[in-house]
């Protein structure tokens, strides 16, 4: 079991209703964490229903969905940034 700070940005935050939370998890990868969170409540399912449009960072470094959580302290979920 590991403890992570999980941070949500933009519409991901709006759908979940939280900017940040501490999560105790047995997840080994980002995919595992997403599955675990999605199983909690419908609001997480809604936020993570299309992971092709969600970016993920572990300790402020962009990672893929199969990235391991070993040693991670923070996971952030956010939509891609657009220029302007």
PDB file of N, CA and C in Angstrom:
ATOM      1  N   UNK A   1       0.854  -1.179   0.000  1.00  0.00           N
ATOM      2  CA  UNK A   1       0.000   0.000   0.000  1.00  0.00           C
ATOM      3  C   UNK A   1       0.895   1.236   0.000  1.00  0.00           C
ATOM      4  N   UNK A   2       0.609   2.152  -0.913  1.00  0.00           N
ATOM      5  CA  UNK A   2       1.352   3.413  -0.962  1.00  0.00           C
ATOM      6  C   UNK A   2       0.381   4.581  -0.815  1.00  0.00           C
ATOM      7  N   UNK A   3       0.900   5.698  -0.329  1.00  0.00           N
ATOM      8  CA  UNK A   3       0.123   6.936  -0.229  1.00  0.00           C
ATOM      9  C   UNK A   3       0.599   7.880  -1.311  1.00  0.00           C
ATOM     10  N   UNK A   4      -0.358   8.434  -2.043  1.00  0.00           N
ATOM     11  CA  UNK A   4      -0.064   9.376  -3.123  1.00  0.00           C
ATOM     12  C   UNK A   4      -0.909  10.627  -2.960  1.00  0.00           C
ATOM     13  N   UNK A   5      -0.344  11.765  -3.321  1.00  0.00           N
ATOM     14  CA  UNK A   5      -1.150  12.955  -3.536  1.00  0.00           C
ATOM     15  C   UNK A   5      -1.601  12.894  -4.983  1.00  0.00           C
ATOM     16  N   UNK A   6      -2.889  12.957  -5.212  1.00  0.00           N
ATOM     17  CA  UNK A   6      -3.431  12.933  -6.570  1.00  0.00           C
ATOM     18  C   UNK A   6      -4.045  14.303  -6.834  1.00  0.00           C
ATOM     19  N   UNK A   7      -3.591  14.928  -7.924  1.00  0.00           N
ATOM     20  CA  UNK A   7      -3.988  16.291  -8.260  1.00  0.00           C
ATOM     21  C   UNK A   7      -4.757  16.275  -9.576  1.00  0.00           C
ATOM     22  N   UNK A   8      -5.850  17.031  -9.621  1.00  0.00           N
ATOM     23  CA  UNK A   8      -6.700  17.098 -10.811  1.00  0.00           C
ATOM     24  C   UNK A   8      -6.753  18.534 -11.304  1.00  0.00           C
ATOM     25  N   UNK A   9      -6.647  18.701 -12.634  1.00  0.00           N
ATOM     26  CA  UNK A   9      -6.662  20.033 -13.226  1.00  0.00           C
ATOM     27  C   UNK A   9      -7.790  20.165 -14.255  1.00  0.00           C
ATOM     28  N   UNK A  10      -8.218  21.412 -14.455  1.00  0.00           N
ATOM     29  CA  UNK A  10      -9.178  21.811 -15.500  1.00  0.00           C
ATOM     30  C   UNK A  10     -10.461  20.974 -15.422  1.00  0.00           C
ATOM     31  N   UNK A  11     -10.941  20.444 -16.558  1.00  0.00           N
ATOM     32  CA  UNK A  11     -12.217  19.738 -16.542  1.00  0.00           C
ATOM     33  C   UNK A  11     -12.147  18.419 -15.786  1.00  0.00           C
ATOM     34  N   UNK A  12     -10.964  17.845 -15.616  1.00  0.00           N
ATOM     35  CA  UNK A  12     -10.845  16.637 -14.789  1.00  0.00           C
ATOM     36  C   UNK A  12     -11.231  17.000 -13.347  1.00  0.00           C
ATOM     37  N   UNK A  13     -10.708  18.117 -12.852  1.00  0.00           N
ATOM     38  CA  UNK A  13     -11.035  18.605 -11.511  1.00  0.00           C
ATOM     39  C   UNK A  13     -12.535  18.903 -11.402  1.00  0.00           C
ATOM     40  N   UNK A  14     -13.090  19.530 -12.413  1.00  0.00           N
ATOM     41  CA  UNK A  14     -14.510  19.880 -12.386  1.00  0.00           C
ATOM     42  C   UNK A  14     -15.396  18.640 -12.310  1.00  0.00           C
ATOM     43  N   UNK A  15     -15.052  17.606 -13.052  1.00  0.00           N
ATOM     44  CA  UNK A  15     -15.867  16.385 -13.051  1.00  0.00           C
ATOM     45  C   UNK A  15     -15.759  15.625 -11.735  1.00  0.00           C
ATOM     46  N   UNK A  16     -14.562  15.602 -11.162  1.00  0.00           N
ATOM     47  CA  UNK A  16     -14.366  14.873  -9.909  1.00  0.00           C
ATOM     48  C   UNK A  16     -14.819  15.700  -8.710  1.00  0.00           C
ATOM     49  N   UNK A  17     -14.691  17.014  -8.826  1.00  0.00           N
ATOM     50  CA  UNK A  17     -15.135  17.882  -7.743  1.00  0.00           C
ATOM     51  C   UNK A  17     -14.076  18.135  -6.683  1.00  0.00           C
ATOM     52  N   UNK A  18     -12.852  17.760  -6.976  1.00  0.00           N
ATOM     53  CA  UNK A  18     -11.738  17.968  -6.054  1.00  0.00           C
ATOM     54  C   UNK A  18     -10.535  18.475  -6.836  1.00  0.00           C
ATOM     55  N   UNK A  19      -9.726  19.319  -6.190  1.00  0.00           N
ATOM     56  CA  UNK A  19      -8.470  19.750  -6.805  1.00  0.00           C
ATOM     57  C   UNK A  19      -7.348  18.788  -6.455  1.00  0.00           C
ATOM     58  N   UNK A  20      -7.454  18.185  -5.252  1.00  0.00           N
ATOM     59  CA  UNK A  20      -6.373  17.321  -4.778  1.00  0.00           C
ATOM     60  C   UNK A  20      -6.909  16.407  -3.693  1.00  0.00           C
ATOM     61  N   UNK A  21      -6.366  15.213  -3.612  1.00  0.00           N
ATOM     62  CA  UNK A  21      -6.699  14.309  -2.526  1.00  0.00           C
ATOM     63  C   UNK A  21      -5.530  13.373  -2.264  1.00  0.00           C
ATOM     64  N   UNK A  22      -5.482  12.840  -1.048  1.00  0.00           N
ATOM     65  CA  UNK A  22      -4.471  11.834  -0.745  1.00  0.00           C
ATOM     66  C   UNK A  22      -5.141  10.475  -0.866  1.00  0.00           C
ATOM     67  N   UNK A  23      -4.482   9.575  -1.582  1.00  0.00           N
ATOM     68  CA  UNK A  23      -5.044   8.267  -1.879  1.00  0.00           C
ATOM     69  C   UNK A  23      -4.106   7.191  -1.356  1.00  0.00           C
ATOM     70  N   UNK A  24      -4.658   6.204  -0.674  1.00  0.00           N
ATOM     71  CA  UNK A  24      -3.910   5.003  -0.333  1.00  0.00           C
ATOM     72  C   UNK A  24      -4.289   3.957  -1.362  1.00  0.00           C
ATOM     73  N   UNK A  25      -3.295   3.381  -2.018  1.00  0.00           N
ATOM     74  CA  UNK A  25      -3.574   2.494  -3.128  1.00  0.00           C
ATOM     75  C   UNK A  25      -2.622   1.309  -3.166  1.00  0.00           C
ATOM     76  N   UNK A  26      -3.093   0.257  -3.780  1.00  0.00           N
ATOM     77  CA  UNK A  26      -2.246  -0.893  -4.064  1.00  0.00           C
ATOM     78  C   UNK A  26      -1.896  -0.929  -5.548  1.00  0.00           C
ATOM     79  N   UNK A  27      -2.260   0.109  -6.283  1.00  0.00           N
ATOM     80  CA  UNK A  27      -1.991   0.180  -7.724  1.00  0.00           C
ATOM     81  C   UNK A  27      -0.493   0.119  -7.994  1.00  0.00           C
ATOM     82  N   UNK A  28      -0.143  -0.563  -9.061  1.00  0.00           N
ATOM     83  CA  UNK A  28       1.259  -0.675  -9.476  1.00  0.00           C
ATOM     84  C   UNK A  28       1.599   0.278 -10.620  1.00  0.00           C
ATOM     85  N   UNK A  29       0.570   0.654 -11.405  1.00  0.00           N
ATOM     86  CA  UNK A  29       0.770   1.534 -12.556  1.00  0.00           C
ATOM     87  C   UNK A  29      -0.322   2.609 -12.571  1.00  0.00           C
ATOM     88  N   UNK A  30      -0.154   3.577 -13.467  1.00  0.00           N
ATOM     89  CA  UNK A  30      -1.195   4.597 -13.649  1.00  0.00           C
ATOM     90  C   UNK A  30      -2.502   3.935 -14.063  1.00  0.00           C
ATOM     91  N   UNK A  31      -2.451   2.982 -14.987  1.00  0.00           N
ATOM     92  CA  UNK A  31      -3.673   2.279 -15.408  1.00  0.00           C
ATOM     93  C   UNK A  31      -4.382   1.646 -14.222  1.00  0.00           C
ATOM     94  N   UNK A  32      -3.622   1.026 -13.327  1.00  0.00           N
ATOM     95  CA  UNK A  32      -4.213   0.415 -12.131  1.00  0.00           C
ATOM     96  C   UNK A  32      -4.876   1.475 -11.256  1.00  0.00           C
ATOM     97  N   UNK A  33      -4.207   2.615 -11.096  1.00  0.00           N
ATOM     98  CA  UNK A  33      -4.749   3.696 -10.277  1.00  0.00           C
ATOM     99  C   UNK A  33      -6.052   4.237 -10.869  1.00  0.00           C
ATOM    100  N   UNK A  34      -6.071   4.429 -12.184  1.00  0.00           N
ATOM    101  CA  UNK A  34      -7.277   4.913 -12.864  1.00  0.00           C
ATOM    102  C   UNK A  34      -8.428   3.918 -12.663  1.00  0.00           C
ATOM    103  N   UNK A  35      -8.129   2.634 -12.787  1.00  0.00           N
ATOM    104  CA  UNK A  35      -9.170   1.611 -12.601  1.00  0.00           C
ATOM    105  C   UNK A  35      -9.694   1.635 -11.169  1.00  0.00           C
ATOM    106  N   UNK A  36      -8.784   1.774 -10.213  1.00  0.00           N
ATOM    107  CA  UNK A  36      -9.166   1.815  -8.802  1.00  0.00           C
ATOM    108  C   UNK A  36     -10.033   3.044  -8.495  1.00  0.00           C
ATOM    109  N   UNK A  37      -9.608   4.202  -8.993  1.00  0.00           N
ATOM    110  CA  UNK A  37     -10.381   5.426  -8.765  1.00  0.00           C
ATOM    111  C   UNK A  37     -11.740   5.356  -9.464  1.00  0.00           C
ATOM    112  N   UNK A  38     -11.757   4.847 -10.694  1.00  0.00           N
ATOM    113  CA  UNK A  38     -13.009   4.759 -11.455  1.00  0.00           C
ATOM    114  C   UNK A  38     -14.022   3.843 -10.784  1.00  0.00           C
ATOM    115  N   UNK A  39     -13.535   2.855 -10.048  1.00  0.00           N
ATOM    116  CA  UNK A  39     -14.433   1.922  -9.358  1.00  0.00           C
ATOM    117  C   UNK A  39     -15.075   2.561  -8.121  1.00  0.00           C
ATOM    118  N   UNK A  40     -14.530   3.687  -7.661  1.00  0.00           N
ATOM    119  CA  UNK A  40     -15.046   4.361  -6.460  1.00  0.00           C
ATOM    120  C   UNK A  40     -16.444   4.921  -6.658  1.00  0.00           C
ATOM    121  N   UNK A  41     -16.563   5.786  -7.676  1.00  0.00           N
ATOM    122  CA  UNK A  41     -17.803   6.544  -7.876  1.00  0.00           C
ATOM    123  C   UNK A  41     -17.942   6.923  -9.348  1.00  0.00           C
ATOM    124  N   UNK A  42     -19.164   7.273  -9.708  1.00  0.00           N
ATOM    125  CA  UNK A  42     -19.460   7.651 -11.091  1.00  0.00           C
ATOM    126  C   UNK A  42     -18.675   8.886 -11.536  1.00  0.00           C
ATOM    127  N   UNK A  43     -18.426   9.831 -10.634  1.00  0.00           N
ATOM    128  CA  UNK A  43     -17.713  11.051 -11.029  1.00  0.00           C
ATOM    129  C   UNK A  43     -16.296  10.750 -11.511  1.00  0.00           C
ATOM    130  N   UNK A  44     -15.652   9.748 -10.937  1.00  0.00           N
ATOM    131  CA  UNK A  44     -14.321   9.343 -11.403  1.00  0.00           C
ATOM    132  C   UNK A  44     -14.436   8.638 -12.756  1.00  0.00           C
ATOM    133  N   UNK A  45     -15.445   7.795 -12.895  1.00  0.00           N
ATOM    134  CA  UNK A  45     -15.677   7.127 -14.180  1.00  0.00           C
ATOM    135  C   UNK A  45     -15.849   8.152 -15.291  1.00  0.00           C
ATOM    136  N   UNK A  46     -16.620   9.198 -15.006  1.00  0.00           N
ATOM    137  CA  UNK A  46     -16.860  10.251 -15.983  1.00  0.00           C
ATOM    138  C   UNK A  46     -15.563  10.967 -16.355  1.00  0.00           C
ATOM    139  N   UNK A  47     -14.762  11.280 -15.363  1.00  0.00           N
ATOM    140  CA  UNK A  47     -13.510  11.999 -15.621  1.00  0.00           C
ATOM    141  C   UNK A  47     -12.513  11.153 -16.408  1.00  0.00           C
ATOM    142  N   UNK A  48     -12.500   9.853 -16.158  1.00  0.00           N
ATOM    143  CA  UNK A  48     -11.489   8.978 -16.765  1.00  0.00           C
ATOM    144  C   UNK A  48     -12.045   8.107 -17.888  1.00  0.00           C
ATOM    145  N   UNK A  49     -13.235   8.421 -18.396  1.00  0.00           N
ATOM    146  CA  UNK A  49     -13.848   7.552 -19.397  1.00  0.00           C
ATOM    147  C   UNK A  49     -13.063   7.483 -20.709  1.00  0.00           C
ATOM    148  N   UNK A  50     -12.332   8.529 -21.055  1.00  0.00           N
ATOM    149  CA  UNK A  50     -11.519   8.523 -22.277  1.00  0.00           C
ATOM    150  C   UNK A  50     -10.100   8.983 -21.936  1.00  0.00           C
ATOM    151  N   UNK A  51      -9.271   8.042 -21.554  1.00  0.00           N
ATOM    152  CA  UNK A  51      -7.916   8.386 -21.125  1.00  0.00           C
ATOM    153  C   UNK A  51      -7.021   8.829 -22.281  1.00  0.00           C
ATOM    154  N   UNK A  52      -7.512   8.725 -23.507  1.00  0.00           N
ATOM    155  CA  UNK A  52      -6.721   9.218 -24.638  1.00  0.00           C
ATOM    156  C   UNK A  52      -6.659  10.743 -24.655  1.00  0.00           C
ATOM    157  N   UNK A  53      -7.558  11.394 -23.892  1.00  0.00           N
ATOM    158  CA  UNK A  53      -7.559  12.859 -23.837  1.00  0.00           C
ATOM    159  C   UNK A  53      -7.120  13.392 -22.475  1.00  0.00           C
ATOM    160  N   UNK A  54      -6.519  12.528 -21.659  1.00  0.00           N
ATOM    161  CA  UNK A  54      -6.024  12.940 -20.344  1.00  0.00           C
ATOM    162  C   UNK A  54      -4.519  12.698 -20.294  1.00  0.00           C
ATOM    163  N   UNK A  55      -3.788  13.697 -19.886  1.00  0.00           N
ATOM    164  CA  UNK A  55      -2.339  13.566 -19.685  1.00  0.00           C
ATOM    165  C   UNK A  55      -2.097  13.242 -18.219  1.00  0.00           C
ATOM    166  N   UNK A  56      -0.962  12.576 -17.974  1.00  0.00           N
ATOM    167  CA  UNK A  56      -0.637  12.169 -16.607  1.00  0.00           C
ATOM    168  C   UNK A  56       0.818  12.497 -16.316  1.00  0.00           C
ATOM    169  N   UNK A  57       1.061  12.973 -15.102  1.00  0.00           N
ATOM    170  CA  UNK A  57       2.436  13.224 -14.658  1.00  0.00           C
ATOM    171  C   UNK A  57       2.645  12.564 -13.304  1.00  0.00           C
ATOM    172  N   UNK A  58       3.822  11.988 -13.146  1.00  0.00           N
ATOM    173  CA  UNK A  58       4.260  11.485 -11.846  1.00  0.00           C
ATOM    174  C   UNK A  58       5.369  12.408 -11.385  1.00  0.00           C
ATOM    175  N   UNK A  59       5.183  12.992 -10.222  1.00  0.00           N
ATOM    176  CA  UNK A  59       6.166  13.924  -9.664  1.00  0.00           C
ATOM    177  C   UNK A  59       6.620  14.953 -10.701  1.00  0.00           C
ATOM    178  N   UNK A  60       5.640  15.509 -11.414  1.00  0.00           N
ATOM    179  CA  UNK A  60       5.794  16.594 -12.391  1.00  0.00           C
ATOM    180  C   UNK A  60       6.552  16.202 -13.664  1.00  0.00           C
ATOM    181  N   UNK A  61       6.580  14.898 -13.971  1.00  0.00           N
ATOM    182  CA  UNK A  61       7.160  14.421 -15.221  1.00  0.00           C
ATOM    183  C   UNK A  61       6.085  13.664 -15.989  1.00  0.00           C
ATOM    184  N   UNK A  62       5.827  14.068 -17.239  1.00  0.00           N
ATOM    185  CA  UNK A  62       4.828  13.373 -18.053  1.00  0.00           C
ATOM    186  C   UNK A  62       5.191  11.904 -18.217  1.00  0.00           C
ATOM    187  N   UNK A  63       4.187  11.047 -18.082  1.00  0.00           N
ATOM    188  CA  UNK A  63       4.400   9.603 -18.192  1.00  0.00           C
ATOM    189  C   UNK A  63       3.272   8.966 -18.991  1.00  0.00           C
ATOM    190  N   UNK A  64       3.478   7.720 -19.382  1.00  0.00           N
ATOM    191  CA  UNK A  64       2.447   6.954 -20.074  1.00  0.00           C
ATOM    192  C   UNK A  64       1.563   6.252 -19.045  1.00  0.00           C
ATOM    193  N   UNK A  65       0.456   5.710 -19.505  1.00  0.00           N
ATOM    194  CA  UNK A  65      -0.499   5.069 -18.608  1.00  0.00           C
ATOM    195  C   UNK A  65       0.032   3.779 -17.996  1.00  0.00           C
ATOM    196  N   UNK A  66       1.063   3.198 -18.605  1.00  0.00           N
ATOM    197  CA  UNK A  66       1.632   1.973 -18.031  1.00  0.00           C
ATOM    198  C   UNK A  66       2.832   2.261 -17.131  1.00  0.00           C
ATOM    199  N   UNK A  67       3.074   3.532 -16.826  1.00  0.00           N
ATOM    200  CA  UNK A  67       4.197   3.917 -15.969  1.00  0.00           C
ATOM    201  C   UNK A  67       3.999   3.358 -14.555  1.00  0.00           C
ATOM    202  N   UNK A  68       5.067   2.817 -13.969  1.00  0.00           N
ATOM    203  CA  UNK A  68       4.971   2.293 -12.602  1.00  0.00           C
ATOM    204  C   UNK A  68       4.888   3.414 -11.577  1.00  0.00           C
ATOM    205  N   UNK A  69       4.227   3.125 -10.471  1.00  0.00           N
ATOM    206  CA  UNK A  69       4.067   4.098  -9.397  1.00  0.00           C
ATOM    207  C   UNK A  69       5.146   3.970  -8.313  1.00  0.00           C
ATOM    208  N   UNK A  70       6.090   3.063  -8.498  1.00  0.00           N
ATOM    209  CA  UNK A  70       7.153   2.866  -7.511  1.00  0.00           C
ATOM    210  C   UNK A  70       7.827   4.182  -7.168  1.00  0.00           C
ATOM    211  N   UNK A  71       7.826   4.536  -5.906  1.00  0.00           N
ATOM    212  CA  UNK A  71       8.508   5.739  -5.439  1.00  0.00           C
ATOM    213  C   UNK A  71       7.780   7.048  -5.707  1.00  0.00           C
ATOM    214  N   UNK A  72       6.619   6.987  -6.345  1.00  0.00           N
ATOM    215  CA  UNK A  72       5.880   8.215  -6.664  1.00  0.00           C
ATOM    216  C   UNK A  72       5.318   8.855  -5.406  1.00  0.00           C
ATOM    217  N   UNK A  73       5.329  10.185  -5.398  1.00  0.00           N
ATOM    218  CA  UNK A  73       4.726  10.937  -4.299  1.00  0.00           C
ATOM    219  C   UNK A  73       3.469  11.671  -4.767  1.00  0.00           C
ATOM    220  N   UNK A  74       3.447  12.048  -6.075  1.00  0.00           N
ATOM    221  CA  UNK A  74       2.322  12.804  -6.611  1.00  0.00           C
ATOM    222  C   UNK A  74       1.997  12.325  -8.020  1.00  0.00           C
ATOM    223  N   UNK A  75       0.705  12.207  -8.292  1.00  0.00           N
ATOM    224  CA  UNK A  75       0.215  11.908  -9.637  1.00  0.00           C
ATOM    225  C   UNK A  75      -0.752  13.019 -10.006  1.00  0.00           C
ATOM    226  N   UNK A  76      -0.582  13.586 -11.195  1.00  0.00           N
ATOM    227  CA  UNK A  76      -1.459  14.657 -11.658  1.00  0.00           C
ATOM    228  C   UNK A  76      -2.152  14.233 -12.956  1.00  0.00           C
ATOM    229  N   UNK A  77      -3.432  14.545 -13.047  1.00  0.00           N
ATOM    230  CA  UNK A  77      -4.230  14.267 -14.235  1.00  0.00           C
ATOM    231  C   UNK A  77      -4.709  15.593 -14.811  1.00  0.00           C
ATOM    232  N   UNK A  78      -4.522  15.791 -16.126  1.00  0.00           N
ATOM    233  CA  UNK A  78      -4.951  17.049 -16.747  1.00  0.00           C
ATOM    234  C   UNK A  78      -5.173  16.851 -18.229  1.00  0.00           C
ATOM    235  N   UNK A  79      -6.034  17.686 -18.821  1.00  0.00           N
ATOM    236  CA  UNK A  79      -6.229  17.641 -20.268  1.00  0.00           C
ATOM    237  C   UNK A  79      -5.034  18.247 -20.973  1.00  0.00           C
ATOM    238  N   UNK A  80      -4.854  17.909 -22.252  1.00  0.00           N
ATOM    239  CA  UNK A  80      -3.739  18.516 -23.001  1.00  0.00           C
ATOM    240  C   UNK A  80      -3.879  20.038 -23.014  1.00  0.00           C
ATOM    241  N   UNK A  81      -2.768  20.710 -22.983  1.00  0.00           N
ATOM    242  CA  UNK A  81      -2.770  22.176 -23.033  1.00  0.00           C
ATOM    243  C   UNK A  81      -2.916  22.624 -24.486  1.00  0.00           C
ATOM    244  N   UNK A  82      -3.609  23.712 -24.679  1.00  0.00           N
ATOM    245  CA  UNK A  82      -3.745  24.258 -26.024  1.00  0.00           C
ATOM    246  C   UNK A  82      -3.052  25.613 -26.075  1.00  0.00           C
ATOM    247  N   UNK A  83      -2.524  25.915 -27.221  1.00  0.00           N
ATOM    248  CA  UNK A  83      -1.836  27.200 -27.388  1.00  0.00           C
ATOM    249  C   UNK A  83      -2.828  28.319 -27.595  1.00  0.00           C
ATOM    250  N   UNK A  84      -2.317  29.540 -27.519  1.00  0.00           N
ATOM    251  CA  UNK A  84      -3.246  30.625 -27.751  1.00  0.00           C
ATOM    252  C   UNK A  84      -2.615  31.965 -27.555  1.00  0.00           C
TER     253      UNK A  84
END
